[in-house]
All heavy atoms as atom14 arrays in JSON, in Angstrom:
{
  "sequence": "NAKNTVYLQMNSLKPEDTAVYYCNTNGGYGTPWLLPGDYWGQGTQVT",
  "atom14_mask": [
    [1, 1, 1, 1, 1, 1, 1, 1, 0, 0, 0, 0, 0, 0],
    [1, 1, 1, 1, 1, 0, 0, 0, 0, 0, 0, 0, 0, 0],
    [1, 1, 1, 1, 1, 1, 1, 1, 1, 0, 0, 0, 0, 0],
    [1, 1, 1, 1, 1, 1, 1, 1, 0, 0, 0, 0, 0, 0],
    [1, 1, 1, 1, 1, 1, 1, 0, 0, 0, 0, 0, 0, 0],
    [1, 1, 1, 1, 1, 1, 1, 0, 0, 0, 0, 0, 0, 0],
    [1, 1, 1, 1, 1, 1, 1, 1, 1, 1, 1, 1, 0, 0],
    [1, 1, 1, 1, 1, 1, 1, 1, 0, 0, 0, 0, 0, 0],
    [1, 1, 1, 1, 1, 1, 1, 1, 1, 0, 0, 0, 0, 0],
    [1, 1, 1, 1, 1, 1, 1, 1, 0, 0, 0, 0, 0, 0],
    [1, 1, 1, 1, 1, 1, 1, 1, 0, 0, 0, 0, 0, 0],
    [1, 1, 1, 1, 1, 1, 0, 0, 0, 0, 0, 0, 0, 0],
    [1, 1, 1, 1, 1, 1, 1, 1, 0, 0, 0, 0, 0, 0],
    [1, 1, 1, 1, 1, 1, 1, 1, 1, 0, 0, 0, 0, 0],
    [1, 1, 1, 1, 1, 1, 1, 0, 0, 0, 0, 0, 0, 0],
    [1, 1, 1, 1, 1, 1, 1, 1, 1, 0, 0, 0, 0, 0],
    [1, 1, 1, 1, 1, 1, 1, 1, 0, 0, 0, 0, 0, 0],
    [1, 1, 1, 1, 1, 1, 1, 0, 0, 0, 0, 0, 0, 0],
    [1, 1, 1, 1, 1, 0, 0, 0, 0, 0, 0, 0, 0, 0],
    [1, 1, 1, 1, 1, 1, 1, 0, 0, 0, 0, 0, 0, 0],
    [1, 1, 1, 1, 1, 1, 1, 1, 1, 1, 1, 1, 0, 0],
    [1, 1, 1, 1, 1, 1, 1, 1, 1, 1, 1, 1, 0, 0],
    [1, 1, 1, 1, 1, 1, 0, 0, 0, 0, 0, 0, 0, 0],
    [1, 1, 1, 1, 1, 1, 1, 1, 0, 0, 0, 0, 0, 0],
    [1, 1, 1, 1, 1, 1, 1, 0, 0, 0, 0, 0, 0, 0],
    [1, 1, 1, 1, 1, 1, 1, 1, 0, 0, 0, 0, 0, 0],
    [1, 1, 1, 1, 0, 0, 0, 0, 0, 0, 0, 0, 0, 0],
    [1, 1, 1, 1, 0, 0, 0, 0, 0, 0, 0, 0, 0, 0],
    [1, 1, 1, 1, 1, 1, 1, 1, 1, 1, 1, 1, 0, 0],
    [1, 1, 1, 1, 0, 0, 0, 0, 0, 0, 0, 0, 0, 0],
    [1, 1, 1, 1, 1, 1, 1, 0, 0, 0, 0, 0, 0, 0],
    [1, 1, 1, 1, 1, 1, 1, 0, 0, 0, 0, 0, 0, 0],
    [1, 1, 1, 1, 1, 1, 1, 1, 1, 1, 1, 1, 1, 1],
    [1, 1, 1, 1, 1, 1, 1, 1, 0, 0, 0, 0, 0, 0],
    [1, 1, 1, 1, 1, 1, 1, 1, 0, 0, 0, 0, 0, 0],
    [1, 1, 1, 1, 1, 1, 1, 0, 0, 0, 0, 0, 0, 0],
    [1, 1, 1, 1, 0, 0, 0, 0, 0, 0, 0, 0, 0, 0],
    [1, 1, 1, 1, 1, 1, 1, 1, 0, 0, 0, 0, 0, 0],
    [1, 1, 1, 1, 1, 1, 1, 1, 1, 1, 1, 1, 0, 0],
    [1, 1, 1, 1, 1, 1, 1, 1, 1, 1, 1, 1, 1, 1],
    [1, 1, 1, 1, 0, 0, 0, 0, 0, 0, 0, 0, 0, 0],
    [1, 1, 1, 1, 1, 1, 1, 1, 1, 0, 0, 0, 0, 0],
    [1, 1, 1, 1, 0, 0, 0, 0, 0, 0, 0, 0, 0, 0],
    [1, 1, 1, 1, 1, 1, 1, 0, 0, 0, 0, 0, 0, 0],
    [1, 1, 1, 1, 1, 1, 1, 1, 1, 0, 0, 0, 0, 0],
    [1, 1, 1, 1, 1, 1, 1, 0, 0, 0, 0, 0, 0, 0],
    [1, 1, 1, 1, 1, 1, 1, 0, 0, 0, 0, 0, 0, 0]
  ],
  "atom14_positions": [
    [[25.71, 9.77, -9.95], [26.26, 10.92, -9.21], [25.85, 12.27, -9.77], [25.69, 13.21, -9.04], [27.82, 10.81, -9.18], [28.27, 9.68, -8.3], [27.73, 9.4, -7.27], [29.34, 9.01, -8.74], [0.0, 0.0, 0.0], [0.0, 0.0, 0.0], [0.0, 0.0, 0.0], [0.0, 0.0, 0.0], [0.0, 0.0, 0.0], [0.0, 0.0, 0.0]],
    [[25.68, 12.31, -11.1], [25.28, 13.56, -11.7], [23.89, 13.98, -11.27], [23.61, 15.19, -11.18], [25.35, 13.44, -13.26], [0.0, 0.0, 0.0], [0.0, 0.0, 0.0], [0.0, 0.0, 0.0], [0.0, 0.0, 0.0], [0.0, 0.0, 0.0], [0.0, 0.0, 0.0], [0.0, 0.0, 0.0], [0.0, 0.0, 0.0], [0.0, 0.0, 0.0]],
    [[23.05, 13.0, -11.02], [21.69, 13.26, -10.58], [21.52, 13.24, -9.07], [20.42, 13.48, -8.59], [20.71, 12.33, -11.27], [20.63, 12.43, -12.74], [19.66, 11.4, -13.32], [19.52, 11.5, -14.78], [18.56, 10.51, -15.34], [0.0, 0.0, 0.0], [0.0, 0.0, 0.0], [0.0, 0.0, 0.0], [0.0, 0.0, 0.0], [0.0, 0.0, 0.0]],
    [[22.6, 12.86, -8.4], [22.51, 12.63, -6.94], [21.34, 11.69, -6.59], [20.54, 11.96, -5.7], [22.34, 13.94, -6.18], [23.63, 14.41, -5.56], [24.62, 13.69, -5.47], [23.61, 15.66, -5.14], [0.0, 0.0, 0.0], [0.0, 0.0, 0.0], [0.0, 0.0, 0.0], [0.0, 0.0, 0.0], [0.0, 0.0, 0.0], [0.0, 0.0, 0.0]],
    [[21.26, 10.61, -7.37], [20.17, 9.69, -7.19], [20.77, 8.27, -6.98], [21.69, 7.87, -7.67], [19.25, 9.67, -8.46], [18.69, 10.99, -8.62], [18.17, 8.69, -8.33], [0.0, 0.0, 0.0], [0.0, 0.0, 0.0], [0.0, 0.0, 0.0], [0.0, 0.0, 0.0], [0.0, 0.0, 0.0], [0.0, 0.0, 0.0], [0.0, 0.0, 0.0]],
    [[20.11, 7.57, -6.09], [20.5, 6.16, -5.85], [19.28, 5.33, -6.17], [18.13, 5.69, -6.0], [20.91, 5.98, -4.34], [19.79, 6.25, -3.37], [21.47, 4.55, -4.18], [0.0, 0.0, 0.0], [0.0, 0.0, 0.0], [0.0, 0.0, 0.0], [0.0, 0.0, 0.0], [0.0, 0.0, 0.0], [0.0, 0.0, 0.0], [0.0, 0.0, 0.0]],
    [[19.56, 4.14, -6.71], [18.56, 3.22, -7.16], [18.68, 1.87, -6.43], [19.77, 1.48, -6.0], [18.66, 2.96, -8.66], [18.62, 4.22, -9.51], [19.78, 4.82, -9.88], [17.39, 4.79, -9.88], [19.8, 5.99, -10.64], [17.4, 5.96, -10.64], [18.54, 6.53, -11.01], [18.56, 7.67, -11.79], [0.0, 0.0, 0.0], [0.0, 0.0, 0.0]],
    [[17.57, 1.2, -6.34], [17.61, -0.15, -5.83], [16.78, -1.0, -6.8], [15.55, -0.87, -6.86], [17.01, -0.26, -4.44], [17.09, -1.64, -3.75], [18.55, -2.0, -3.5], [16.27, -1.71, -2.51], [0.0, 0.0, 0.0], [0.0, 0.0, 0.0], [0.0, 0.0, 0.0], [0.0, 0.0, 0.0], [0.0, 0.0, 0.0], [0.0, 0.0, 0.0]],
    [[17.46, -1.82, -7.57], [16.79, -2.76, -8.45], [16.48, -3.99, -7.69], [17.38, -4.66, -7.21], [17.63, -3.03, -9.68], [17.03, -4.06, -10.68], [15.83, -3.53, -11.35], [15.76, -2.37, -11.85], [14.74, -4.29, -11.4], [0.0, 0.0, 0.0], [0.0, 0.0, 0.0], [0.0, 0.0, 0.0], [0.0, 0.0, 0.0], [0.0, 0.0, 0.0]],
    [[15.18, -4.39, -7.63], [14.8, -5.52, -6.81], [14.2, -6.5, -7.79], [13.14, -6.28, -8.43], [13.76, -5.09, -5.76], [14.28, -3.99, -4.86], [13.14, -3.61, -3.5], [11.77, -2.94, -4.44], [0.0, 0.0, 0.0], [0.0, 0.0, 0.0], [0.0, 0.0, 0.0], [0.0, 0.0, 0.0], [0.0, 0.0, 0.0], [0.0, 0.0, 0.0]],
    [[14.83, -7.68, -7.85], [14.32, -8.8, -8.67], [13.97, -10.01, -7.81], [14.38, -10.08, -6.65], [15.38, -9.21, -9.68], [15.77, -8.09, -10.64], [14.92, -7.27, -11.04], [17.05, -8.03, -11.03], [0.0, 0.0, 0.0], [0.0, 0.0, 0.0], [0.0, 0.0, 0.0], [0.0, 0.0, 0.0], [0.0, 0.0, 0.0], [0.0, 0.0, 0.0]],
    [[13.23, -10.9, -8.39], [12.85, -12.1, -7.71], [12.26, -11.82, -6.33], [12.62, -12.42, -5.31], [14.04, -13.07, -7.57], [14.55, -13.41, -8.87], [0.0, 0.0, 0.0], [0.0, 0.0, 0.0], [0.0, 0.0, 0.0], [0.0, 0.0, 0.0], [0.0, 0.0, 0.0], [0.0, 0.0, 0.0], [0.0, 0.0, 0.0], [0.0, 0.0, 0.0]],
    [[11.38, -10.88, -6.31], [10.83, -10.41, -5.04], [9.99, -11.48, -4.34], [9.33, -12.31, -4.97], [9.94, -9.2, -5.26], [10.68, -7.9, -5.46], [9.84, -6.81, -6.12], [11.27, -7.41, -4.17], [0.0, 0.0, 0.0], [0.0, 0.0, 0.0], [0.0, 0.0, 0.0], [0.0, 0.0, 0.0], [0.0, 0.0, 0.0], [0.0, 0.0, 0.0]],
    [[10.12, -11.49, -3.01], [9.45, -12.44, -2.17], [8.49, -11.74, -1.23], [8.68, -10.58, -0.94], [10.5, -13.26, -1.35], [11.54, -13.93, -2.13], [12.61, -14.56, -1.2], [13.66, -15.25, -1.98], [14.71, -15.83, -1.08], [0.0, 0.0, 0.0], [0.0, 0.0, 0.0], [0.0, 0.0, 0.0], [0.0, 0.0, 0.0], [0.0, 0.0, 0.0]],
    [[7.46, -12.41, -0.78], [6.57, -11.81, 0.25], [7.31, -11.2, 1.38], [6.87, -10.17, 1.95], [5.62, -12.92, 0.63], [5.6, -13.81, -0.59], [6.98, -13.77, -1.12], [0.0, 0.0, 0.0], [0.0, 0.0, 0.0], [0.0, 0.0, 0.0], [0.0, 0.0, 0.0], [0.0, 0.0, 0.0], [0.0, 0.0, 0.0], [0.0, 0.0, 0.0]],
    [[8.36, -11.82, 1.86], [9.07, -11.35, 2.99], [9.87, -10.03, 2.72], [10.43, -9.45, 3.6], [10.08, -12.4, 3.51], [10.94, -13.09, 2.49], [10.33, -14.42, 2.01], [9.11, -14.45, 1.75], [11.08, -15.38, 1.96], [0.0, 0.0, 0.0], [0.0, 0.0, 0.0], [0.0, 0.0, 0.0], [0.0, 0.0, 0.0], [0.0, 0.0, 0.0]],
    [[9.89, -9.62, 1.43], [10.48, -8.34, 1.06], [9.51, -7.19, 1.33], [9.87, -6.0, 1.21], [10.9, -8.3, -0.39], [12.03, -9.27, -0.67], [12.98, -9.35, 0.16], [11.98, -9.92, -1.75], [0.0, 0.0, 0.0], [0.0, 0.0, 0.0], [0.0, 0.0, 0.0], [0.0, 0.0, 0.0], [0.0, 0.0, 0.0], [0.0, 0.0, 0.0]],
    [[8.28, -7.52, 1.65], [7.25, -6.47, 1.88], [7.67, -5.6, 3.08], [7.95, -6.11, 4.19], [5.89, -7.15, 2.19], [5.44, -7.85, 1.03], [4.83, -6.08, 2.52], [0.0, 0.0, 0.0], [0.0, 0.0, 0.0], [0.0, 0.0, 0.0], [0.0, 0.0, 0.0], [0.0, 0.0, 0.0], [0.0, 0.0, 0.0], [0.0, 0.0, 0.0]],
    [[7.74, -4.34, 2.85], [8.19, -3.41, 3.88], [8.11, -1.98, 3.32], [7.88, -1.82, 2.15], [9.64, -3.7, 4.31], [0.0, 0.0, 0.0], [0.0, 0.0, 0.0], [0.0, 0.0, 0.0], [0.0, 0.0, 0.0], [0.0, 0.0, 0.0], [0.0, 0.0, 0.0], [0.0, 0.0, 0.0], [0.0, 0.0, 0.0], [0.0, 0.0, 0.0]],
    [[8.28, -1.02, 4.23], [8.52, 0.32, 3.8], [10.04, 0.48, 3.59], [10.78, 0.14, 4.5], [7.97, 1.37, 4.82], [8.33, 2.78, 4.38], [6.47, 1.18, 5.0], [0.0, 0.0, 0.0], [0.0, 0.0, 0.0], [0.0, 0.0, 0.0], [0.0, 0.0, 0.0], [0.0, 0.0, 0.0], [0.0, 0.0, 0.0], [0.0, 0.0, 0.0]],
    [[10.37, 0.94, 2.47], [11.82, 1.1, 2.1], [12.19, 2.59, 2.21], [11.53, 3.45, 1.7], [12.07, 0.61, 0.69], [12.08, -0.91, 0.58], [10.97, -1.62, 0.78], [13.3, -1.53, 0.39], [11.02, -3.03, 0.71], [13.34, -2.94, 0.31], [12.19, -3.63, 0.49], [12.22, -5.05, 0.39], [0.0, 0.0, 0.0], [0.0, 0.0, 0.0]],
    [[13.29, 2.78, 2.94], [13.76, 4.15, 3.23], [15.14, 4.36, 2.62], [16.04, 3.55, 2.76], [13.85, 4.41, 4.75], [12.53, 4.32, 5.47], [12.07, 3.13, 6.04], [11.77, 5.46, 5.64], [10.91, 3.03, 6.73], [10.56, 5.38, 6.36], [10.14, 4.17, 6.85], [8.99, 4.11, 7.58], [0.0, 0.0, 0.0], [0.0, 0.0, 0.0]],
    [[15.29, 5.51, 2.02], [16.6, 5.92, 1.58], [17.32, 6.65, 2.66], [16.68, 7.33, 3.53], [16.38, 6.88, 0.35], [17.89, 7.46, -0.44], [0.0, 0.0, 0.0], [0.0, 0.0, 0.0], [0.0, 0.0, 0.0], [0.0, 0.0, 0.0], [0.0, 0.0, 0.0], [0.0, 0.0, 0.0], [0.0, 0.0, 0.0], [0.0, 0.0, 0.0]],
    [[18.6, 6.52, 2.72], [19.4, 7.14, 3.75], [20.75, 7.63, 3.17], [21.35, 7.01, 2.34], [19.62, 6.16, 4.89], [20.56, 6.72, 5.95], [21.72, 6.46, 5.99], [19.94, 7.48, 6.85], [0.0, 0.0, 0.0], [0.0, 0.0, 0.0], [0.0, 0.0, 0.0], [0.0, 0.0, 0.0], [0.0, 0.0, 0.0], [0.0, 0.0, 0.0]],
    [[21.24, 8.74, 3.75], [22.59, 9.17, 3.37], [23.21, 9.86, 4.52], [22.52, 10.44, 5.36], [22.53, 10.08, 2.14], [23.91, 10.41, 1.73], [21.8, 11.4, 2.45], [0.0, 0.0, 0.0], [0.0, 0.0, 0.0], [0.0, 0.0, 0.0], [0.0, 0.0, 0.0], [0.0, 0.0, 0.0], [0.0, 0.0, 0.0], [0.0, 0.0, 0.0]],
    [[24.54, 9.88, 4.59], [25.28, 10.66, 5.53], [25.62, 12.05, 4.96], [26.19, 12.85, 5.69], [26.54, 9.93, 6.0], [27.52, 9.68, 4.91], [27.41, 10.14, 3.82], [28.54, 8.87, 5.21], [0.0, 0.0, 0.0], [0.0, 0.0, 0.0], [0.0, 0.0, 0.0], [0.0, 0.0, 0.0], [0.0, 0.0, 0.0], [0.0, 0.0, 0.0]],
    [[25.28, 12.25, 3.67], [25.46, 13.55, 3.08], [26.94, 13.95, 2.85], [27.26, 15.02, 2.51], [0.0, 0.0, 0.0], [0.0, 0.0, 0.0], [0.0, 0.0, 0.0], [0.0, 0.0, 0.0], [0.0, 0.0, 0.0], [0.0, 0.0, 0.0], [0.0, 0.0, 0.0], [0.0, 0.0, 0.0], [0.0, 0.0, 0.0], [0.0, 0.0, 0.0]],
    [[27.86, 12.96, 3.11], [29.27, 13.21, 2.98], [29.88, 13.85, 4.23], [31.05, 14.22, 4.19], [0.0, 0.0, 0.0], [0.0, 0.0, 0.0], [0.0, 0.0, 0.0], [0.0, 0.0, 0.0], [0.0, 0.0, 0.0], [0.0, 0.0, 0.0], [0.0, 0.0, 0.0], [0.0, 0.0, 0.0], [0.0, 0.0, 0.0], [0.0, 0.0, 0.0]],
    [[29.11, 13.95, 5.26], [29.61, 14.49, 6.53], [30.24, 13.34, 7.31], [29.71, 12.21, 7.41], [28.45, 15.09, 7.32], [27.78, 16.25, 6.62], [26.69, 16.07, 5.83], [28.26, 17.55, 6.78], [26.09, 17.15, 5.2], [27.69, 18.63, 6.14], [26.57, 18.44, 5.36], [25.99, 19.49, 4.73], [0.0, 0.0, 0.0], [0.0, 0.0, 0.0]],
    [[31.35, 13.67, 7.97], [31.99, 12.66, 8.8], [32.65, 11.57, 7.97], [33.11, 11.77, 6.85], [0.0, 0.0, 0.0], [0.0, 0.0, 0.0], [0.0, 0.0, 0.0], [0.0, 0.0, 0.0], [0.0, 0.0, 0.0], [0.0, 0.0, 0.0], [0.0, 0.0, 0.0], [0.0, 0.0, 0.0], [0.0, 0.0, 0.0], [0.0, 0.0, 0.0]],
    [[32.66, 10.4, 8.57], [33.26, 9.23, 7.92], [32.5, 8.91, 6.64], [31.31, 8.71, 6.67], [33.21, 7.98, 8.86], [33.86, 8.35, 10.1], [33.98, 6.82, 8.22], [0.0, 0.0, 0.0], [0.0, 0.0, 0.0], [0.0, 0.0, 0.0], [0.0, 0.0, 0.0], [0.0, 0.0, 0.0], [0.0, 0.0, 0.0], [0.0, 0.0, 0.0]],
    [[33.25, 8.84, 5.49], [32.55, 8.76, 4.2], [31.66, 7.48, 4.08], [30.62, 7.61, 3.39], [33.71, 8.68, 3.22], [34.85, 9.4, 3.88], [34.69, 9.07, 5.35], [0.0, 0.0, 0.0], [0.0, 0.0, 0.0], [0.0, 0.0, 0.0], [0.0, 0.0, 0.0], [0.0, 0.0, 0.0], [0.0, 0.0, 0.0], [0.0, 0.0, 0.0]],
    [[32.04, 6.42, 4.71], [31.29, 5.2, 4.45], [30.26, 4.89, 5.54], [29.54, 3.89, 5.44], [32.29, 4.0, 4.43], [33.29, 4.02, 5.56], [34.53, 4.5, 5.52], [33.08, 3.51, 6.88], [35.15, 4.35, 6.73], [34.31, 3.69, 7.58], [32.02, 2.88, 7.49], [34.44, 3.35, 8.92], [32.18, 2.52, 8.84], [33.42, 2.76, 9.52]],
    [[30.2, 5.7, 6.53], [29.38, 5.39, 7.74], [27.88, 5.6, 7.5], [27.45, 6.73, 7.18], [29.84, 6.19, 8.92], [29.16, 5.92, 10.27], [29.38, 4.45, 10.67], [29.64, 6.85, 11.34], [0.0, 0.0, 0.0], [0.0, 0.0, 0.0], [0.0, 0.0, 0.0], [0.0, 0.0, 0.0], [0.0, 0.0, 0.0], [0.0, 0.0, 0.0]],
    [[27.14, 4.55, 7.7], [25.65, 4.6, 7.65], [25.08, 3.83, 8.87], [25.75, 2.9, 9.35], [25.13, 4.0, 6.38], [25.33, 4.76, 5.1], [24.74, 3.97, 3.94], [24.66, 6.12, 5.15], [0.0, 0.0, 0.0], [0.0, 0.0, 0.0], [0.0, 0.0, 0.0], [0.0, 0.0, 0.0], [0.0, 0.0, 0.0], [0.0, 0.0, 0.0]],
    [[23.9, 4.15, 9.31], [23.02, 5.18, 8.75], [23.51, 6.62, 9.04], [24.06, 6.84, 10.13], [21.67, 4.88, 9.39], [22.01, 4.3, 10.74], [23.24, 3.46, 10.47], [0.0, 0.0, 0.0], [0.0, 0.0, 0.0], [0.0, 0.0, 0.0], [0.0, 0.0, 0.0], [0.0, 0.0, 0.0], [0.0, 0.0, 0.0], [0.0, 0.0, 0.0]],
    [[23.26, 7.45, 8.14], [23.5, 8.91, 8.35], [22.28, 9.55, 8.95], [21.3, 8.9, 9.31], [0.0, 0.0, 0.0], [0.0, 0.0, 0.0], [0.0, 0.0, 0.0], [0.0, 0.0, 0.0], [0.0, 0.0, 0.0], [0.0, 0.0, 0.0], [0.0, 0.0, 0.0], [0.0, 0.0, 0.0], [0.0, 0.0, 0.0], [0.0, 0.0, 0.0]],
    [[22.36, 10.81, 9.05], [21.26, 11.62, 9.74], [20.07, 11.9, 8.82], [19.09, 12.42, 9.29], [21.83, 12.93, 10.2], [22.8, 12.77, 11.4], [22.69, 11.73, 12.07], [23.56, 13.68, 11.64], [0.0, 0.0, 0.0], [0.0, 0.0, 0.0], [0.0, 0.0, 0.0], [0.0, 0.0, 0.0], [0.0, 0.0, 0.0], [0.0, 0.0, 0.0]],
    [[20.2, 11.56, 7.53], [19.19, 12.0, 6.59], [18.41, 10.83, 6.02], [18.99, 9.88, 5.51], [19.84, 12.79, 5.47], [20.71, 13.9, 6.0], [22.09, 13.78, 6.06], [20.11, 15.08, 6.47], [22.84, 14.83, 6.57], [20.89, 16.09, 7.0], [22.25, 15.99, 7.04], [23.04, 16.97, 7.54], [0.0, 0.0, 0.0], [0.0, 0.0, 0.0]],
    [[17.12, 10.9, 6.19], [16.17, 9.88, 5.76], [15.13, 10.38, 4.8], [14.69, 11.52, 4.98], [15.46, 9.24, 6.96], [16.37, 8.49, 7.93], [17.03, 8.98, 9.01], [16.69, 7.09, 7.86], [17.71, 8.0, 9.6], [17.61, 6.8, 8.95], [16.37, 6.08, 7.0], [18.07, 5.56, 9.22], [16.88, 4.82, 7.21], [17.73, 4.52, 8.33]],
    [[14.71, 9.55, 3.86], [13.55, 9.85, 3.09], [12.31, 9.48, 3.85], [12.33, 8.95, 4.99], [0.0, 0.0, 0.0], [0.0, 0.0, 0.0], [0.0, 0.0, 0.0], [0.0, 0.0, 0.0], [0.0, 0.0, 0.0], [0.0, 0.0, 0.0], [0.0, 0.0, 0.0], [0.0, 0.0, 0.0], [0.0, 0.0, 0.0], [0.0, 0.0, 0.0]],
    [[11.16, 9.79, 3.26], [9.9, 9.52, 3.9], [9.44, 8.05, 3.78], [8.53, 7.6, 4.47], [8.79, 10.43, 3.35], [9.02, 11.89, 3.64], [7.93, 12.79, 3.1], [7.21, 12.44, 2.17], [7.82, 13.97, 3.69], [0.0, 0.0, 0.0], [0.0, 0.0, 0.0], [0.0, 0.0, 0.0], [0.0, 0.0, 0.0], [0.0, 0.0, 0.0]],
    [[10.05, 7.33, 2.87], [9.76, 5.88, 2.71], [8.82, 5.69, 1.56], [7.98, 6.5, 1.23], [0.0, 0.0, 0.0], [0.0, 0.0, 0.0], [0.0, 0.0, 0.0], [0.0, 0.0, 0.0], [0.0, 0.0, 0.0], [0.0, 0.0, 0.0], [0.0, 0.0, 0.0], [0.0, 0.0, 0.0], [0.0, 0.0, 0.0], [0.0, 0.0, 0.0]],
    [[8.95, 4.5, 0.98], [8.03, 4.05, -0.08], [7.63, 2.59, 0.18], [8.51, 1.74, 0.49], [8.66, 4.24, -1.48], [7.73, 3.92, -2.5], [9.92, 3.41, -1.66], [0.0, 0.0, 0.0], [0.0, 0.0, 0.0], [0.0, 0.0, 0.0], [0.0, 0.0, 0.0], [0.0, 0.0, 0.0], [0.0, 0.0, 0.0], [0.0, 0.0, 0.0]],
    [[6.33, 2.35, 0.08], [5.86, 1.01, 0.37], [6.07, 0.04, -0.76], [5.75, 0.32, -1.9], [4.35, 1.09, 0.71], [3.68, -0.25, 0.97], [4.1, -0.85, 2.32], [4.1, -0.15, 3.28], [4.46, -2.11, 2.28], [0.0, 0.0, 0.0], [0.0, 0.0, 0.0], [0.0, 0.0, 0.0], [0.0, 0.0, 0.0], [0.0, 0.0, 0.0]],
    [[6.63, -1.1, -0.42], [6.75, -2.23, -1.34], [5.97, -3.39, -0.78], [6.2, -3.81, 0.35], [8.26, -2.64, -1.54], [8.35, -3.94, -2.39], [9.01, -1.47, -2.17], [0.0, 0.0, 0.0], [0.0, 0.0, 0.0], [0.0, 0.0, 0.0], [0.0, 0.0, 0.0], [0.0, 0.0, 0.0], [0.0, 0.0, 0.0], [0.0, 0.0, 0.0]],
    [[5.05, -3.85, -1.57], [4.19, -4.99, -1.16], [4.34, -6.09, -2.23], [4.11, -5.83, -3.36], [2.72, -4.6, -1.02], [2.6, -3.51, -0.05], [1.89, -5.75, -0.54], [0.0, 0.0, 0.0], [0.0, 0.0, 0.0], [0.0, 0.0, 0.0], [0.0, 0.0, 0.0], [0.0, 0.0, 0.0], [0.0, 0.0, 0.0], [0.0, 0.0, 0.0]]
  ]
}
């Protein structure tokens, strides 16, 4: 929370995990738990 950073630790990766991974947040607007929010990252490729 101090860094406003979210992580995804991925272990035991499988070929079917291959995809572009996108970060998303609702920014704290509206319902606190509701996703997807309006804000998306550009994506990072995992192969």
